[in-house]
């Protein structure tokens, strides 16, 4: 049985610790993206994109603001690693998908004109908006 000097073992543990810290920082940066929870800005309706599809990826709604005609369907596609929702605050609201699991899609129909903001019930730092004309 060979003997490993204590100094070499200490250096190995320090190196392993440094690798684990770097990996943790990299995962946190990827998961949180550009904005930390609680610091997300409200999507601007003036920058709304005319589309009927919202992709959820990297804990973000893409695009964050969309514009559709009244009576249109909007489909939310979960391309992320976690389950999400798209829900307007309050009860009886216009945007409500229920839970969208990884790889699933949910479609809603918006009949009345207005500007509707929504968040993810599981990750409230995720914010989006739909402008219905």
Protein backbone atom coordinates (compact mmCIF):
# COMPACT_ATOMS: atom_id res chain seq x y z
CA UNK A 1 0.00 0.00 0.00
CA UNK A 2 1.47 3.37 -1.00
CA UNK A 3 1.52 6.40 1.21
CA UNK A 4 0.40 9.82 -0.10
CA UNK A 5 2.17 12.77 1.54
CA UNK A 6 -0.19 15.05 3.50
CA UNK A 7 0.88 18.14 1.49
CA UNK A 8 -0.12 16.49 -1.80
CA UNK A 9 -3.48 15.49 -0.35
CA UNK A 10 -4.11 19.05 0.90
CA UNK A 11 -3.33 20.47 -2.56
CA UNK A 12 -5.70 17.97 -4.17
CA UNK A 13 -8.56 19.01 -1.85
CA UNK A 14 -7.90 22.71 -2.50
CA UNK A 15 -7.93 22.11 -6.27
CA UNK A 16 -11.15 20.09 -6.01
CA UNK A 17 -12.76 22.86 -3.95
CA UNK A 18 -11.77 25.48 -6.54
CA UNK A 19 -13.28 23.40 -9.34
CA UNK A 20 -16.54 22.96 -7.39
CA UNK A 21 -16.79 26.70 -6.68
CA UNK A 22 -16.19 27.55 -10.35
CA UNK A 23 -18.80 24.99 -11.46
CA UNK A 24 -21.36 26.38 -8.99
CA UNK A 25 -20.82 29.93 -10.26
CA UNK A 26 -21.14 28.79 -13.89
CA UNK A 27 -24.40 26.92 -13.20
CA UNK A 28 -25.85 29.89 -11.28
CA UNK A 29 -24.96 32.30 -14.08
CA UNK A 30 -26.56 30.03 -16.70
CA UNK A 31 -29.70 29.43 -14.63
CA UNK A 32 -30.29 33.06 -13.68
CA UNK A 33 -29.32 34.55 -17.03
CA UNK A 34 -28.86 38.32 -17.09
CA UNK A 35 -31.29 39.07 -14.28
CA UNK A 36 -31.41 37.73 -10.75
CA UNK A 37 -34.76 36.89 -9.13
CA UNK A 38 -36.52 39.98 -7.84
CA UNK A 39 -34.68 42.20 -10.31
CA UNK A 40 -36.54 41.34 -13.52
CA UNK A 41 -37.90 44.28 -15.42
CA UNK A 42 -41.41 44.41 -16.82
CA UNK A 43 -41.53 43.64 -20.56
CA UNK A 44 -42.27 46.69 -22.67
CA UNK A 45 -45.46 46.56 -24.73
CA UNK A 46 -43.84 49.00 -27.17
CA UNK A 47 -41.30 46.29 -28.01
CA UNK A 48 -43.98 43.62 -28.47
CA UNK A 49 -43.40 41.14 -31.28
CA UNK A 50 -46.31 40.07 -33.50
CA UNK A 51 -46.34 36.31 -32.94
CA UNK A 52 -48.65 33.63 -31.60
CA UNK A 53 -45.94 31.58 -29.91
CA UNK A 54 -43.94 32.11 -26.73
CA UNK A 55 -41.01 29.80 -25.99
CA UNK A 56 -39.89 29.28 -22.39
CA UNK A 57 -36.13 28.78 -22.28
CA UNK A 58 -33.44 29.68 -19.75
CA UNK A 59 -36.11 30.73 -17.23
CA UNK A 60 -37.32 33.44 -19.64
CA UNK A 61 -40.32 33.98 -21.90
CA UNK A 62 -39.10 34.49 -25.49
CA UNK A 63 -40.12 36.94 -26.75
CA UNK A 64 -40.99 38.64 -23.44
CA UNK A 65 -43.78 40.72 -25.02
CA UNK A 66 -46.08 39.71 -27.88
CA UNK A 67 -48.86 41.40 -29.82
CA UNK A 68 -51.90 39.52 -31.23
CA UNK A 69 -55.35 40.26 -32.62
CA UNK A 70 -58.44 39.69 -30.44
CA UNK A 71 -59.65 36.10 -30.74
CA UNK A 72 -56.13 34.82 -31.41
CA UNK A 73 -54.57 31.78 -29.83
CA UNK A 74 -51.18 32.06 -28.12
CA UNK A 75 -49.15 28.88 -27.58
CA UNK A 76 -46.58 28.59 -24.78
CA UNK A 77 -43.86 26.00 -25.50
CA UNK A 78 -41.72 24.83 -22.58
CA UNK A 79 -38.20 24.28 -23.92
CA UNK A 80 -36.75 24.59 -20.43
CA UNK A 81 -35.45 22.16 -17.81
CA UNK A 82 -38.19 22.96 -15.26
CA UNK A 83 -41.97 23.18 -15.27
CA UNK A 84 -43.52 26.63 -15.67
CA UNK A 85 -46.81 28.52 -15.96
CA UNK A 86 -47.96 31.75 -17.55
CA UNK A 87 -50.46 33.36 -15.17
CA UNK A 88 -51.87 36.86 -14.78
CA UNK A 89 -52.07 38.03 -11.17
CA UNK A 90 -55.47 37.68 -9.48
CA UNK A 91 -58.40 35.35 -10.06
CA UNK A 92 -60.46 35.10 -13.23
CA UNK A 93 -57.61 36.46 -15.33
CA UNK A 94 -57.04 36.27 -19.06
CA UNK A 95 -53.63 34.58 -19.15
CA UNK A 96 -53.66 31.19 -17.41
CA UNK A 97 -51.89 28.12 -18.77
CA UNK A 98 -51.78 25.87 -15.70
CA UNK A 99 -48.53 23.90 -15.36
CA UNK A 100 -46.49 23.38 -18.52
CA UNK A 101 -44.08 20.50 -18.03
CA UNK A 102 -40.75 20.19 -19.87
CA UNK A 103 -41.42 19.57 -23.57
CA UNK A 104 -45.14 20.42 -23.32
CA UNK A 105 -47.14 23.23 -24.89
CA UNK A 106 -50.31 24.98 -23.72
CA UNK A 107 -52.53 27.19 -25.86
CA UNK A 108 -54.81 29.98 -24.66
CA UNK A 109 -57.30 32.16 -26.55
CA UNK A 110 -57.49 35.89 -25.84
CA UNK A 111 -60.83 37.38 -26.87
CA UNK A 112 -60.76 40.89 -25.47
CA UNK A 113 -58.42 43.77 -26.26
CA UNK A 114 -55.99 44.99 -23.64
CA UNK A 115 -52.51 44.61 -22.22
CA UNK A 116 -52.02 41.57 -20.03
CA UNK A 117 -48.92 40.88 -17.96
CA UNK A 118 -48.13 37.42 -16.65
CA UNK A 119 -45.57 35.62 -14.49
CA UNK A 120 -44.56 32.05 -13.78
CA UNK A 121 -46.20 30.82 -10.58
CA UNK A 122 -43.09 28.76 -9.77
CA UNK A 123 -40.55 31.45 -10.72
CA UNK A 124 -42.14 34.90 -10.18
CA UNK A 125 -39.03 36.68 -11.49
CA UNK A 126 -40.08 35.45 -14.96
CA UNK A 127 -42.31 38.10 -16.55
CA UNK A 128 -44.07 38.46 -19.87
CA UNK A 129 -46.80 40.52 -21.52
CA UNK A 130 -49.39 40.12 -24.26
CA UNK A 131 -50.98 43.06 -26.04
CA UNK A 132 -54.31 42.15 -27.63
CA UNK A 133 -55.56 44.54 -30.34
